[in-house]
N, C-alpha and C. Protein backbone atom coordinates (compact mmCIF):
# COMPACT_ATOMS: atom_id res chain seq x y z
N GLN A 1 -14.55 -5.79 -12.76
CA GLN A 1 -13.03 -6.46 -12.70
C GLN A 1 -12.04 -5.07 -12.47
N VAL A 2 -11.26 -5.48 -11.54
CA VAL A 2 -10.26 -3.88 -11.34
C VAL A 2 -8.83 -4.55 -11.41
N GLN A 3 -7.91 -4.10 -12.28
CA GLN A 3 -6.53 -4.48 -12.28
C GLN A 3 -5.90 -3.83 -11.41
N LEU A 4 -4.81 -4.17 -10.91
CA LEU A 4 -3.65 -3.32 -10.02
C LEU A 4 -2.50 -3.52 -10.25
N VAL A 5 -1.55 -2.63 -10.36
CA VAL A 5 -0.39 -2.67 -10.82
C VAL A 5 0.47 -1.91 -9.67
N GLU A 6 1.24 -2.59 -8.95
CA GLU A 6 1.87 -1.82 -7.78
C GLU A 6 3.72 -1.39 -8.67
N SER A 7 4.13 -0.40 -7.98
CA SER A 7 5.59 -0.03 -8.23
C SER A 7 6.15 0.52 -7.16
N GLY A 8 7.32 0.58 -7.19
CA GLY A 8 8.18 1.56 -6.52
C GLY A 8 8.96 0.90 -5.18
N GLY A 9 8.76 -0.37 -5.26
CA GLY A 9 9.61 -1.22 -4.00
C GLY A 9 11.13 -0.78 -4.19
N GLY A 10 11.81 -1.64 -3.32
CA GLY A 10 13.11 -1.71 -3.44
C GLY A 10 13.86 -1.64 -2.09
N LEU A 11 15.03 -1.62 -2.25
CA LEU A 11 16.28 -1.69 -1.21
C LEU A 11 16.51 -0.49 -0.33
N VAL A 12 16.20 -0.22 0.79
CA VAL A 12 16.45 1.13 1.37
C VAL A 12 17.19 0.96 2.81
N GLN A 13 17.89 1.60 3.35
CA GLN A 13 18.72 1.49 4.60
C GLN A 13 17.68 1.75 5.40
N PRO A 14 18.01 1.31 6.73
CA PRO A 14 16.97 1.69 8.04
C PRO A 14 17.08 2.98 8.09
N GLY A 15 15.92 3.70 8.55
CA GLY A 15 15.66 5.27 8.81
C GLY A 15 15.35 5.87 7.60
N GLY A 16 15.28 5.29 6.39
CA GLY A 16 15.51 5.87 4.97
C GLY A 16 13.94 6.05 4.59
N SER A 17 13.70 6.22 3.36
CA SER A 17 12.36 6.66 2.89
C SER A 17 11.82 6.02 1.40
N LEU A 18 11.05 5.23 1.22
CA LEU A 18 10.36 4.76 0.00
C LEU A 18 8.98 5.06 -0.06
N SER A 19 8.76 5.35 -1.55
CA SER A 19 7.10 5.21 -1.98
C SER A 19 6.73 4.43 -2.60
N VAL A 20 5.65 3.69 -2.66
CA VAL A 20 5.12 2.91 -3.59
C VAL A 20 3.76 3.21 -3.99
N SER A 21 3.40 2.84 -5.03
CA SER A 21 2.47 3.55 -5.84
C SER A 21 1.44 2.25 -6.29
N CYS A 22 0.24 2.48 -6.53
CA CYS A 22 -0.92 1.41 -7.23
C CYS A 22 -1.61 2.15 -8.21
N VAL A 23 -1.50 1.66 -9.27
CA VAL A 23 -2.72 2.13 -10.48
C VAL A 23 -3.58 1.14 -10.81
N ALA A 24 -4.75 1.58 -10.61
CA ALA A 24 -5.89 0.73 -10.90
C ALA A 24 -6.69 0.91 -12.10
N SER A 25 -7.24 -0.05 -12.61
CA SER A 25 -7.88 -0.12 -14.06
C SER A 25 -9.02 0.55 -13.79
N GLY A 26 -9.99 0.97 -15.05
CA GLY A 26 -11.37 1.50 -14.75
C GLY A 26 -11.64 2.42 -14.53
N SER A 27 -12.87 2.72 -14.46
CA SER A 27 -13.56 4.34 -14.34
C SER A 27 -14.13 4.64 -12.86
N ILE A 28 -14.05 3.59 -12.23
CA ILE A 28 -14.81 3.70 -11.05
C ILE A 28 -14.09 3.92 -9.71
N PHE A 29 -12.75 4.12 -10.14
CA PHE A 29 -11.46 4.44 -8.96
C PHE A 29 -12.18 5.17 -7.63
N ARG A 30 -12.51 5.98 -7.96
CA ARG A 30 -13.15 7.12 -6.78
C ARG A 30 -14.21 6.67 -6.04
N PHE A 31 -14.60 5.47 -6.13
CA PHE A 31 -15.65 4.74 -5.40
C PHE A 31 -15.25 3.49 -4.56
N ILE A 32 -13.63 3.40 -4.95
CA ILE A 32 -13.14 2.45 -4.35
C ILE A 32 -12.54 2.42 -3.21
N HIS A 33 -12.57 1.29 -2.01
CA HIS A 33 -11.93 1.24 -0.89
C HIS A 33 -10.68 0.69 -1.18
N MET A 34 -9.58 1.65 -0.88
CA MET A 34 -7.88 1.22 -1.06
C MET A 34 -7.37 0.76 0.13
N GLY A 35 -6.42 -0.10 -0.32
CA GLY A 35 -5.67 -0.63 1.25
C GLY A 35 -4.43 -1.07 0.59
N TRP A 36 -3.63 -0.73 1.42
CA TRP A 36 -2.08 -1.39 1.31
C TRP A 36 -1.70 -2.49 2.50
N TYR A 37 -1.53 -3.74 2.01
CA TYR A 37 -1.10 -4.92 2.75
C TYR A 37 0.36 -5.22 2.65
N ARG A 38 0.84 -6.06 3.73
CA ARG A 38 2.31 -6.36 3.41
C ARG A 38 2.27 -7.80 4.34
N GLN A 39 3.10 -8.77 3.46
CA GLN A 39 3.26 -10.10 3.91
C GLN A 39 5.10 -10.32 3.96
N ALA A 40 5.52 -10.65 5.32
CA ALA A 40 6.73 -10.84 5.44
C ALA A 40 6.90 -12.38 5.50
N PRO A 41 8.22 -13.25 5.15
CA PRO A 41 8.14 -14.31 4.99
C PRO A 41 7.97 -15.28 6.53
N GLY A 42 7.11 -16.29 6.29
CA GLY A 42 6.63 -17.08 7.32
C GLY A 42 5.65 -15.95 8.04
N LYS A 43 5.05 -14.91 7.67
CA LYS A 43 3.96 -14.42 8.41
C LYS A 43 2.81 -14.17 7.84
N GLN A 44 1.76 -13.86 8.26
CA GLN A 44 0.32 -13.72 7.56
C GLN A 44 0.38 -12.52 6.98
N ARG A 45 -0.22 -12.05 5.95
CA ARG A 45 -0.80 -10.68 5.50
C ARG A 45 -1.41 -9.78 6.23
N GLU A 46 -0.92 -8.74 6.59
CA GLU A 46 -1.53 -7.78 7.28
C GLU A 46 -2.12 -6.56 6.51
N LEU A 47 -2.97 -5.78 7.14
CA LEU A 47 -3.34 -4.49 6.57
C LEU A 47 -2.44 -3.33 7.16
N VAL A 48 -1.72 -2.49 6.15
CA VAL A 48 -0.83 -1.59 6.70
C VAL A 48 -1.56 -0.25 6.81
N ALA A 49 -2.38 -0.09 5.91
CA ALA A 49 -2.78 1.12 5.77
C ALA A 49 -4.29 1.24 4.74
N SER A 50 -5.26 1.80 4.93
CA SER A 50 -6.30 2.28 4.00
C SER A 50 -6.73 3.47 3.82
N ILE A 51 -7.68 3.56 2.88
CA ILE A 51 -8.10 4.89 2.54
C ILE A 51 -9.15 4.95 1.73
N THR A 52 -10.29 5.46 2.31
CA THR A 52 -12.05 5.28 1.75
C THR A 52 -11.86 6.38 0.60
N PRO A 53 -13.14 6.09 -0.16
CA PRO A 53 -13.20 7.28 -1.31
C PRO A 53 -13.55 8.65 -0.67
N SER A 54 -14.01 9.00 0.73
CA SER A 54 -14.12 10.00 1.22
C SER A 54 -12.56 10.54 1.87
N ASP A 55 -11.60 9.58 1.71
CA ASP A 55 -10.03 10.03 2.11
C ASP A 55 -10.19 10.06 3.57
N SER A 56 -10.60 8.95 4.13
CA SER A 56 -10.52 8.44 5.64
C SER A 56 -9.38 7.64 5.55
N THR A 57 -8.77 7.72 6.14
CA THR A 57 -7.36 6.92 6.37
C THR A 57 -7.75 6.01 7.72
N HIS A 58 -6.71 5.09 7.58
CA HIS A 58 -6.44 4.17 8.73
C HIS A 58 -5.10 3.33 8.48
N TYR A 59 -4.56 3.02 9.99
CA TYR A 59 -3.04 2.79 10.11
C TYR A 59 -2.94 1.66 11.02
N GLU A 60 -2.17 0.83 10.50
CA GLU A 60 -1.88 -0.24 11.59
C GLU A 60 -1.28 0.37 12.66
N ASP A 61 -0.89 -0.12 13.85
CA ASP A 61 -0.19 0.75 15.03
C ASP A 61 1.21 1.11 14.60
N SER A 62 1.94 0.00 14.22
CA SER A 62 3.21 0.26 14.10
C SER A 62 3.93 0.80 13.07
N VAL A 63 3.17 1.47 12.24
CA VAL A 63 3.53 2.44 11.12
C VAL A 63 2.78 3.83 11.39
N LYS A 64 1.79 3.88 12.32
CA LYS A 64 1.59 5.40 12.48
C LYS A 64 2.52 6.53 12.86
N GLY A 65 2.33 7.20 12.47
CA GLY A 65 3.26 8.61 12.38
C GLY A 65 4.57 8.56 11.39
N ARG A 66 4.43 7.30 10.65
CA ARG A 66 6.06 6.82 9.71
C ARG A 66 5.26 6.67 8.27
N PHE A 67 4.18 6.26 8.24
CA PHE A 67 3.49 5.96 6.63
C PHE A 67 2.39 6.94 6.52
N THR A 68 2.29 7.21 5.48
CA THR A 68 1.13 7.83 4.79
C THR A 68 0.52 7.39 3.49
N VAL A 69 -0.82 7.07 3.63
CA VAL A 69 -1.36 6.40 2.57
C VAL A 69 -2.42 7.81 2.05
N SER A 70 -2.53 7.73 0.61
CA SER A 70 -3.29 8.90 -0.12
C SER A 70 -3.46 8.50 -1.66
N ARG A 71 -4.49 9.05 -2.14
CA ARG A 71 -4.83 8.71 -3.22
C ARG A 71 -5.07 9.74 -4.06
N ASP A 72 -4.96 9.81 -5.65
CA ASP A 72 -5.26 10.76 -6.65
C ASP A 72 -6.14 9.94 -7.54
N ASN A 73 -7.50 10.32 -7.44
CA ASN A 73 -8.50 9.67 -8.13
C ASN A 73 -8.51 10.27 -9.79
N ALA A 74 -7.89 11.28 -10.02
CA ALA A 74 -7.63 11.74 -11.33
C ALA A 74 -6.62 10.80 -12.19
N LYS A 75 -5.63 10.20 -11.49
CA LYS A 75 -4.93 9.05 -11.99
C LYS A 75 -5.12 7.98 -11.53
N ASN A 76 -6.26 7.46 -10.90
CA ASN A 76 -6.57 5.98 -10.46
C ASN A 76 -5.39 5.24 -9.67
N THR A 77 -4.76 6.38 -8.74
CA THR A 77 -3.67 5.91 -8.01
C THR A 77 -3.83 5.95 -6.55
N VAL A 78 -3.14 5.09 -5.67
CA VAL A 78 -3.23 5.00 -4.40
C VAL A 78 -1.37 5.02 -3.99
N TYR A 79 -1.12 5.83 -3.09
CA TYR A 79 0.21 5.88 -2.55
C TYR A 79 0.51 5.39 -1.37
N LEU A 80 1.75 4.92 -1.17
CA LEU A 80 1.75 4.64 0.31
C LEU A 80 3.58 5.30 0.41
N GLN A 81 3.43 6.35 1.29
CA GLN A 81 5.09 6.96 1.62
C GLN A 81 5.25 6.86 2.78
N MET A 82 6.38 5.92 2.91
CA MET A 82 7.00 5.09 4.04
C MET A 82 8.28 5.98 4.59
N ASN A 83 8.26 6.73 5.60
CA ASN A 83 9.40 7.24 6.14
C ASN A 83 10.09 6.33 7.51
N SER A 84 11.08 6.62 7.88
CA SER A 84 11.67 6.08 9.15
C SER A 84 11.79 4.60 8.96
N LEU A 85 11.84 4.09 7.86
CA LEU A 85 11.97 2.51 7.73
C LEU A 85 12.54 1.82 8.60
N LYS A 86 12.40 0.92 9.22
CA LYS A 86 12.82 -0.25 9.78
C LYS A 86 13.18 -1.42 9.39
N PRO A 87 14.04 -2.32 9.53
CA PRO A 87 13.94 -3.50 9.05
C PRO A 87 12.81 -4.48 9.05
N GLU A 88 12.08 -4.40 10.39
CA GLU A 88 10.84 -5.35 10.50
C GLU A 88 9.61 -4.51 9.39
N ASP A 89 10.01 -3.96 8.58
CA ASP A 89 9.11 -3.42 7.62
C ASP A 89 9.21 -3.94 6.26
N THR A 90 10.40 -4.97 6.11
CA THR A 90 10.74 -5.59 5.12
C THR A 90 9.51 -6.80 5.05
N ALA A 91 9.01 -6.60 3.65
CA ALA A 91 8.01 -7.28 3.26
C ALA A 91 7.53 -7.07 1.84
N VAL A 92 6.78 -8.00 1.45
CA VAL A 92 6.17 -7.57 -0.01
C VAL A 92 5.04 -6.79 -0.02
N TYR A 93 4.73 -5.76 -0.47
CA TYR A 93 3.69 -4.87 -0.23
C TYR A 93 2.72 -5.15 -1.50
N TYR A 94 1.39 -5.34 -0.92
CA TYR A 94 0.23 -5.71 -1.73
C TYR A 94 -0.99 -4.63 -1.84
N CYS A 95 -1.36 -3.97 -2.81
CA CYS A 95 -2.32 -3.20 -3.06
C CYS A 95 -3.50 -3.83 -3.24
N ASN A 96 -4.60 -3.30 -2.34
CA ASN A 96 -6.25 -3.89 -2.69
C ASN A 96 -7.16 -3.11 -2.57
N ALA A 97 -7.90 -3.62 -3.44
CA ALA A 97 -9.37 -2.61 -3.91
C ALA A 97 -10.45 -3.29 -3.58
N ARG A 98 -11.37 -2.43 -2.60
CA ARG A 98 -12.50 -3.35 -2.11
C ARG A 98 -13.91 -2.70 -2.53
N MET A 99 -14.70 -3.31 -3.22
CA MET A 99 -16.00 -2.88 -3.58
C MET A 99 -17.29 -3.70 -3.11
N GLY A 100 -17.86 -3.34 -2.08
CA GLY A 100 -18.86 -4.62 -1.33
C GLY A 100 -18.08 -5.64 -1.02
N LEU A 101 -18.54 -6.69 -1.65
CA LEU A 101 -17.60 -7.95 -1.18
C LEU A 101 -17.00 -8.51 -2.46
N GLN A 102 -16.78 -7.71 -3.35
CA GLN A 102 -15.45 -7.86 -4.33
C GLN A 102 -14.16 -7.38 -3.78
N SER A 103 -12.87 -8.03 -4.01
CA SER A 103 -11.67 -7.53 -3.49
C SER A 103 -10.67 -8.15 -4.46
N TYR A 104 -9.97 -7.41 -4.73
CA TYR A 104 -8.87 -7.43 -5.89
C TYR A 104 -7.37 -7.19 -5.31
N TRP A 105 -6.60 -7.75 -6.08
CA TRP A 105 -5.21 -7.58 -5.46
C TRP A 105 -4.02 -7.58 -6.62
N GLY A 106 -3.25 -6.67 -6.49
CA GLY A 106 -2.06 -6.32 -7.07
C GLY A 106 -1.01 -7.75 -7.04
N GLN A 107 0.14 -7.41 -7.86
CA GLN A 107 1.19 -8.32 -7.89
C GLN A 107 1.98 -8.65 -6.55
N GLY A 108 2.09 -7.28 -5.92
CA GLY A 108 2.88 -6.99 -4.94
C GLY A 108 4.27 -6.30 -5.39
N THR A 109 5.06 -5.52 -4.45
CA THR A 109 6.32 -5.20 -4.52
C THR A 109 6.99 -5.21 -3.43
N GLN A 110 8.43 -5.97 -3.75
CA GLN A 110 9.27 -5.89 -2.59
C GLN A 110 9.72 -4.69 -2.03
N VAL A 111 9.56 -4.55 -0.50
CA VAL A 111 10.45 -3.69 0.12
C VAL A 111 11.35 -4.16 1.00
N THR A 112 12.25 -3.84 1.00
CA THR A 112 13.85 -4.35 1.96
C THR A 112 14.45 -3.42 2.79
N VAL A 113 14.50 -3.54 3.82
CA VAL A 113 14.91 -2.53 4.74
C VAL A 113 16.05 -3.30 5.27
N SER A 114 17.37 -2.56 4.83
CA SER A 114 18.76 -3.57 5.38
C SER A 114 19.90 -2.46 5.01
N SER A 115 20.64 -2.54 6.10
CA SER A 115 21.74 -1.67 5.93
C SER A 115 23.10 -2.84 5.14
């Protein structure tokens, strides 16, 4: 069982930056494939970025060059740095941990991009 707690969401103006983080419980974080998803009102949840235990990263096309996912295994934490934010980035951002067939979710953190 892995528990995930996100933090760092908030309100930011278009073009601004925001960082969200996710702390995982347990001692096997370094072996876990981590991902950031988001869900906007009326839309399906979508993968934004992911990072493997070996630090390979993947990004959804609309965030490439603007978002950066990273992890600190010593702190059991995965980060999502979001730059050049756009109103269409507004969503609840969820942290996901995947180990084989098991998948765990955090409670989500709201990111709102608005002037």
